[in-house]
Amino acid sequence: MQRLLQAAETQRDAINRELHHRPTSTGVRYRLLWQPLAEEEGAPVGLEAARKRLLNTSADLWSADDRRVVGAMLQQRIAAERERADSGAGKDVGGSLIEQLARALDYRRWHRFRVERWQDGHWRKLSGPASSGERALGLTVPLFAGGRQFSTVRAATRWRRA
């Protein structure tokens, strides 16, 4: 999970570099945010502290407290998913233990993407005051930057294998 979270952060940073180099003709720039949800939005209890450790410290260097924080958050997720599966709540309940673990440990469900635009010297929410054209660009430009970054990474991976 640590490698996946770090890879996702690296991918987001690469997309933002791509976006930085491609402002619109009016000088508007976009950036992609990948933010953890708050607990009241469905994030696991303790995500913020565990995420900090997972992203910033090699697991080889974790203290006993680091292991306790990350372990408690992951155990809570597994227990919650098992309880959900046993109760029959939700559309994707039940399944094998492997499927339950996959749902419990799916870090993508604990995050959201947001797009911001740089305008008049400030980063602003895409949902703020803007023309419909700016909003359309704000939705499509990051998507294309992500696609370009993904294809660049895939091409580099194929080249290394050859």
C-alpha atoms as a PDB file:
ATOM      1  CA  MET A   1       0.000   0.000   0.000  1.00  0.00           C
ATOM      2  CA  GLN A   2       2.867   2.361   0.777  1.00  0.00           C
ATOM      3  CA  ARG A   3       4.317   1.954  -2.721  1.00  0.00           C
ATOM      4  CA  LEU A   4       0.900   2.465  -4.303  1.00  0.00           C
ATOM      5  CA  LEU A   5       0.219   5.656  -2.339  1.00  0.00           C
ATOM      6  CA  GLN A   6       3.660   7.010  -3.146  1.00  0.00           C
ATOM      7  CA  ALA A   7       3.229   6.096  -6.818  1.00  0.00           C
ATOM      8  CA  ALA A   8      -0.132   7.888  -6.903  1.00  0.00           C
ATOM      9  CA  GLU A   9       1.469  11.010  -5.408  1.00  0.00           C
ATOM     10  CA  THR A  10       4.297  10.825  -7.951  1.00  0.00           C
ATOM     11  CA  GLN A  11       1.785  10.432 -10.780  1.00  0.00           C
ATOM     12  CA  ARG A  12      -0.215  13.432  -9.550  1.00  0.00           C
ATOM     13  CA  ASP A  13       2.993  15.504  -9.360  1.00  0.00           C
ATOM     14  CA  ALA A  14       3.912  14.509 -12.927  1.00  0.00           C
ATOM     15  CA  ILE A  15       0.442  15.471 -14.159  1.00  0.00           C
ATOM     16  CA  ASN A  16       0.761  18.834 -12.417  1.00  0.00           C
ATOM     17  CA  ARG A  17       4.150  19.434 -14.061  1.00  0.00           C
ATOM     18  CA  GLU A  18       2.525  18.695 -17.410  1.00  0.00           C
ATOM     19  CA  LEU A  19      -0.321  21.097 -16.589  1.00  0.00           C
ATOM     20  CA  HIS A  20       2.122  23.794 -15.493  1.00  0.00           C
ATOM     21  CA  HIS A  21       3.849  23.727 -18.877  1.00  0.00           C
ATOM     22  CA  ARG A  22       0.556  24.104 -20.748  1.00  0.00           C
ATOM     23  CA  PRO A  23      -1.369  27.222 -19.706  1.00  0.00           C
ATOM     24  CA  THR A  24      -4.404  28.238 -21.727  1.00  0.00           C
ATOM     25  CA  SER A  25      -4.145  31.034 -24.285  1.00  0.00           C
ATOM     26  CA  THR A  26      -5.438  33.414 -21.600  1.00  0.00           C
ATOM     27  CA  GLY A  27      -2.760  32.305 -19.111  1.00  0.00           C
ATOM     28  CA  VAL A  28      -4.980  30.175 -16.892  1.00  0.00           C
ATOM     29  CA  ARG A  29      -3.227  27.147 -15.392  1.00  0.00           C
ATOM     30  CA  TYR A  30      -4.786  24.121 -13.741  1.00  0.00           C
ATOM     31  CA  ARG A  31      -3.605  21.740 -11.058  1.00  0.00           C
ATOM     32  CA  LEU A  32      -4.881  18.435  -9.796  1.00  0.00           C
ATOM     33  CA  LEU A  33      -5.302  17.831  -6.079  1.00  0.00           C
ATOM     34  CA  TRP A  34      -5.547  14.344  -4.620  1.00  0.00           C
ATOM     35  CA  GLN A  35      -6.916  14.804  -1.124  1.00  0.00           C
ATOM     36  CA  PRO A  36      -7.800  12.380   1.623  1.00  0.00           C
ATOM     37  CA  LEU A  37     -11.440  12.393   2.641  1.00  0.00           C
ATOM     38  CA  ALA A  38     -12.398  13.511   6.120  1.00  0.00           C
ATOM     39  CA  GLU A  39     -13.656  10.848   8.526  1.00  0.00           C
ATOM     40  CA  GLU A  40     -17.208  12.199   8.239  1.00  0.00           C
ATOM     41  CA  GLU A  41     -16.958  11.684   4.461  1.00  0.00           C
ATOM     42  CA  GLY A  42     -16.102   8.002   4.846  1.00  0.00           C
ATOM     43  CA  ALA A  43     -12.339   7.975   5.393  1.00  0.00           C
ATOM     44  CA  PRO A  44     -10.967   5.436   7.854  1.00  0.00           C
ATOM     45  CA  VAL A  45     -10.402   6.655  11.388  1.00  0.00           C
ATOM     46  CA  GLY A  46      -6.757   7.662  11.674  1.00  0.00           C
ATOM     47  CA  LEU A  47      -6.193   8.039   7.922  1.00  0.00           C
ATOM     48  CA  GLU A  48      -4.460  11.398   8.183  1.00  0.00           C
ATOM     49  CA  ALA A  49      -1.804  10.172  10.630  1.00  0.00           C
ATOM     50  CA  ALA A  50      -1.329   6.844   8.830  1.00  0.00           C
ATOM     51  CA  ARG A  51      -1.141   8.518   5.418  1.00  0.00           C
ATOM     52  CA  LYS A  52       1.558  10.878   6.650  1.00  0.00           C
ATOM     53  CA  ARG A  53       3.673   7.919   7.734  1.00  0.00           C
ATOM     54  CA  LEU A  54       2.982   5.918   4.587  1.00  0.00           C
ATOM     55  CA  LEU A  55       3.963   8.785   2.313  1.00  0.00           C
ATOM     56  CA  ASN A  56       6.903  10.263   4.172  1.00  0.00           C
ATOM     57  CA  THR A  57       8.751   7.469   5.923  1.00  0.00           C
ATOM     58  CA  SER A  58      10.157   4.197   4.663  1.00  0.00           C
ATOM     59  CA  ALA A  59       8.489   1.276   6.460  1.00  0.00           C
ATOM     60  CA  ASP A  60      11.991   0.040   7.336  1.00  0.00           C
ATOM     61  CA  LEU A  61      12.454   3.151   9.477  1.00  0.00           C
ATOM     62  CA  TRP A  62       9.094   3.131  11.258  1.00  0.00           C
ATOM     63  CA  SER A  63       9.056   3.337  15.022  1.00  0.00           C
ATOM     64  CA  ALA A  64       6.791   1.128  17.113  1.00  0.00           C
ATOM     65  CA  ASP A  65       4.360   4.059  17.284  1.00  0.00           C
ATOM     66  CA  ASP A  66       4.358   4.408  13.472  1.00  0.00           C
ATOM     67  CA  ARG A  67       3.527   0.706  13.120  1.00  0.00           C
ATOM     68  CA  ARG A  68       0.793   0.990  15.737  1.00  0.00           C
ATOM     69  CA  VAL A  69      -0.840   3.982  13.983  1.00  0.00           C
ATOM     70  CA  VAL A  70      -0.821   2.391  10.520  1.00  0.00           C
ATOM     71  CA  GLY A  71      -1.766  -1.049  11.868  1.00  0.00           C
ATOM     72  CA  ALA A  72      -4.716   0.327  13.856  1.00  0.00           C
ATOM     73  CA  MET A  73      -6.090   2.159  10.831  1.00  0.00           C
ATOM     74  CA  LEU A  74      -5.782  -0.919   8.607  1.00  0.00           C
ATOM     75  CA  GLN A  75      -7.271  -3.250  11.234  1.00  0.00           C
ATOM     76  CA  GLN A  76     -10.196  -0.851  11.660  1.00  0.00           C
ATOM     77  CA  ARG A  77     -10.817  -0.913   7.884  1.00  0.00           C
ATOM     78  CA  ILE A  78     -10.715  -4.719   7.752  1.00  0.00           C
ATOM     79  CA  ALA A  79     -13.059  -5.043  10.739  1.00  0.00           C
ATOM     80  CA  ALA A  80     -15.500  -2.517   9.242  1.00  0.00           C
ATOM     81  CA  GLU A  81     -15.540  -4.340   5.898  1.00  0.00           C
ATOM     82  CA  ARG A  82     -16.093  -7.725   7.557  1.00  0.00           C
ATOM     83  CA  GLU A  83     -18.955  -6.280   9.595  1.00  0.00           C
ATOM     84  CA  ARG A  84     -20.458  -4.738   6.468  1.00  0.00           C
ATOM     85  CA  ALA A  85     -20.161  -8.041   4.604  1.00  0.00           C
ATOM     86  CA  ASP A  86     -21.704  -9.977   7.491  1.00  0.00           C
ATOM     87  CA  SER A  87     -24.609  -7.534   7.827  1.00  0.00           C
ATOM     88  CA  GLY A  88     -25.409  -7.586   4.105  1.00  0.00           C
ATOM     89  CA  ALA A  89     -25.305  -3.766   3.899  1.00  0.00           C
ATOM     90  CA  GLY A  90     -24.213  -2.244   0.603  1.00  0.00           C
ATOM     91  CA  LYS A  91     -24.252  -3.343  -3.002  1.00  0.00           C
ATOM     92  CA  ASP A  92     -20.826  -5.023  -3.093  1.00  0.00           C
ATOM     93  CA  VAL A  93     -21.067  -7.058   0.082  1.00  0.00           C
ATOM     94  CA  GLY A  94     -20.085 -10.588   0.801  1.00  0.00           C
ATOM     95  CA  GLY A  95     -17.651 -12.268  -1.466  1.00  0.00           C
ATOM     96  CA  SER A  96     -14.526 -14.116  -0.577  1.00  0.00           C
ATOM     97  CA  LEU A  97     -12.133 -13.000   2.119  1.00  0.00           C
ATOM     98  CA  ILE A  98      -9.806 -11.785  -0.628  1.00  0.00           C
ATOM     99  CA  GLU A  99     -12.578  -9.584  -2.064  1.00  0.00           C
ATOM    100  CA  GLN A 100     -13.376  -8.220   1.390  1.00  0.00           C
ATOM    101  CA  LEU A 101      -9.709  -7.412   2.015  1.00  0.00           C
ATOM    102  CA  ALA A 102      -9.426  -5.768  -1.396  1.00  0.00           C
ATOM    103  CA  ARG A 103     -12.375  -3.487  -0.579  1.00  0.00           C
ATOM    104  CA  ALA A 104     -11.111  -2.788   2.938  1.00  0.00           C
ATOM    105  CA  LEU A 105      -7.633  -1.799   1.770  1.00  0.00           C
ATOM    106  CA  ASP A 106      -8.594   0.115  -1.378  1.00  0.00           C
ATOM    107  CA  TYR A 107      -6.896   3.429  -0.614  1.00  0.00           C
ATOM    108  CA  ARG A 108      -8.506   5.022  -3.698  1.00  0.00           C
ATOM    109  CA  ARG A 109     -11.839   5.061  -1.881  1.00  0.00           C
ATOM    110  CA  TRP A 110     -10.302   7.240   0.831  1.00  0.00           C
ATOM    111  CA  HIS A 111      -9.354  10.071  -1.533  1.00  0.00           C
ATOM    112  CA  ARG A 112     -10.910  12.500  -3.973  1.00  0.00           C
ATOM    113  CA  PHE A 113      -9.620  14.487  -6.908  1.00  0.00           C
ATOM    114  CA  ARG A 114     -10.146  18.216  -7.187  1.00  0.00           C
ATOM    115  CA  VAL A 115      -9.113  20.626  -9.904  1.00  0.00           C
ATOM    116  CA  GLU A 116      -8.048  24.189  -9.193  1.00  0.00           C
ATOM    117  CA  ARG A 117      -7.230  27.004 -11.589  1.00  0.00           C
ATOM    118  CA  TRP A 118      -4.547  29.667 -11.222  1.00  0.00           C
ATOM    119  CA  GLN A 119      -6.117  32.994 -11.938  1.00  0.00           C
ATOM    120  CA  ASP A 120      -5.266  36.521 -10.842  1.00  0.00           C
ATOM    121  CA  GLY A 121      -2.373  35.267  -8.704  1.00  0.00           C
ATOM    122  CA  HIS A 122      -4.390  32.740  -6.671  1.00  0.00           C
ATOM    123  CA  TRP A 123      -5.406  29.094  -6.841  1.00  0.00           C
ATOM    124  CA  ARG A 124      -9.202  28.981  -7.027  1.00  0.00           C
ATOM    125  CA  LYS A 125     -11.687  26.143  -6.966  1.00  0.00           C
ATOM    126  CA  LEU A 126     -12.857  25.160 -10.394  1.00  0.00           C
ATOM    127  CA  SER A 127     -16.418  25.368  -9.109  1.00  0.00           C
ATOM    128  CA  GLY A 128     -15.994  29.078  -8.275  1.00  0.00           C
ATOM    129  CA  PRO A 129     -16.932  31.964 -10.549  1.00  0.00           C
ATOM    130  CA  ALA A 130     -15.776  31.152 -14.076  1.00  0.00           C
ATOM    131  CA  SER A 131     -17.127  31.081 -17.573  1.00  0.00           C
ATOM    132  CA  SER A 132     -18.567  27.841 -18.882  1.00  0.00           C
ATOM    133  CA  GLY A 133     -15.584  27.597 -21.244  1.00  0.00           C
ATOM    134  CA  GLU A 134     -13.123  27.850 -18.331  1.00  0.00           C
ATOM    135  CA  ARG A 135     -15.029  25.132 -16.472  1.00  0.00           C
ATOM    136  CA  ALA A 136     -15.017  22.898 -19.555  1.00  0.00           C
ATOM    137  CA  LEU A 137     -11.267  23.414 -19.947  1.00  0.00           C
ATOM    138  CA  GLY A 138     -10.772  22.750 -16.247  1.00  0.00           C
ATOM    139  CA  LEU A 139     -12.456  19.389 -16.633  1.00  0.00           C
ATOM    140  CA  THR A 140     -10.761  18.318 -19.859  1.00  0.00           C
ATOM    141  CA  VAL A 141      -7.212  19.698 -19.671  1.00  0.00           C
ATOM    142  CA  PRO A 142      -6.271  17.717 -16.511  1.00  0.00           C
ATOM    143  CA  LEU A 143      -7.820  14.614 -18.075  1.00  0.00           C
ATOM    144  CA  PHE A 144      -5.643  14.972 -21.178  1.00  0.00           C
ATOM    145  CA  ALA A 145      -2.557  15.707 -19.057  1.00  0.00           C
ATOM    146  CA  GLY A 146      -3.253  12.526 -17.081  1.00  0.00           C
ATOM    147  CA  GLY A 147      -3.659  10.540 -20.275  1.00  0.00           C
ATOM    148  CA  ARG A 148      -0.412  11.922 -21.660  1.00  0.00           C
ATOM    149  CA  GLN A 149       1.426  11.129 -18.442  1.00  0.00           C
ATOM    150  CA  PHE A 150      -0.012   7.607 -18.365  1.00  0.00           C
ATOM    151  CA  SER A 151       0.980   6.918 -21.974  1.00  0.00           C
ATOM    152  CA  THR A 152       4.478   8.334 -21.340  1.00  0.00           C
ATOM    153  CA  VAL A 153       4.952   6.019 -18.351  1.00  0.00           C
ATOM    154  CA  ARG A 154       3.609   3.021 -20.292  1.00  0.00           C
ATOM    155  CA  ALA A 155       5.919   3.742 -23.242  1.00  0.00           C
ATOM    156  CA  ALA A 156       8.943   4.082 -20.939  1.00  0.00           C
ATOM    157  CA  THR A 157       8.046   0.796 -19.243  1.00  0.00           C
ATOM    158  CA  ARG A 158       7.751  -1.010 -22.582  1.00  0.00           C
ATOM    159  CA  TRP A 159      11.062   0.439 -23.768  1.00  0.00           C
ATOM    160  CA  ARG A 160      12.865  -0.762 -20.614  1.00  0.00           C
ATOM    161  CA  ARG A 161      11.495  -4.283 -21.092  1.00  0.00           C
ATOM    162  CA  ALA A 162      12.699  -4.485 -24.705  1.00  0.00           C
END
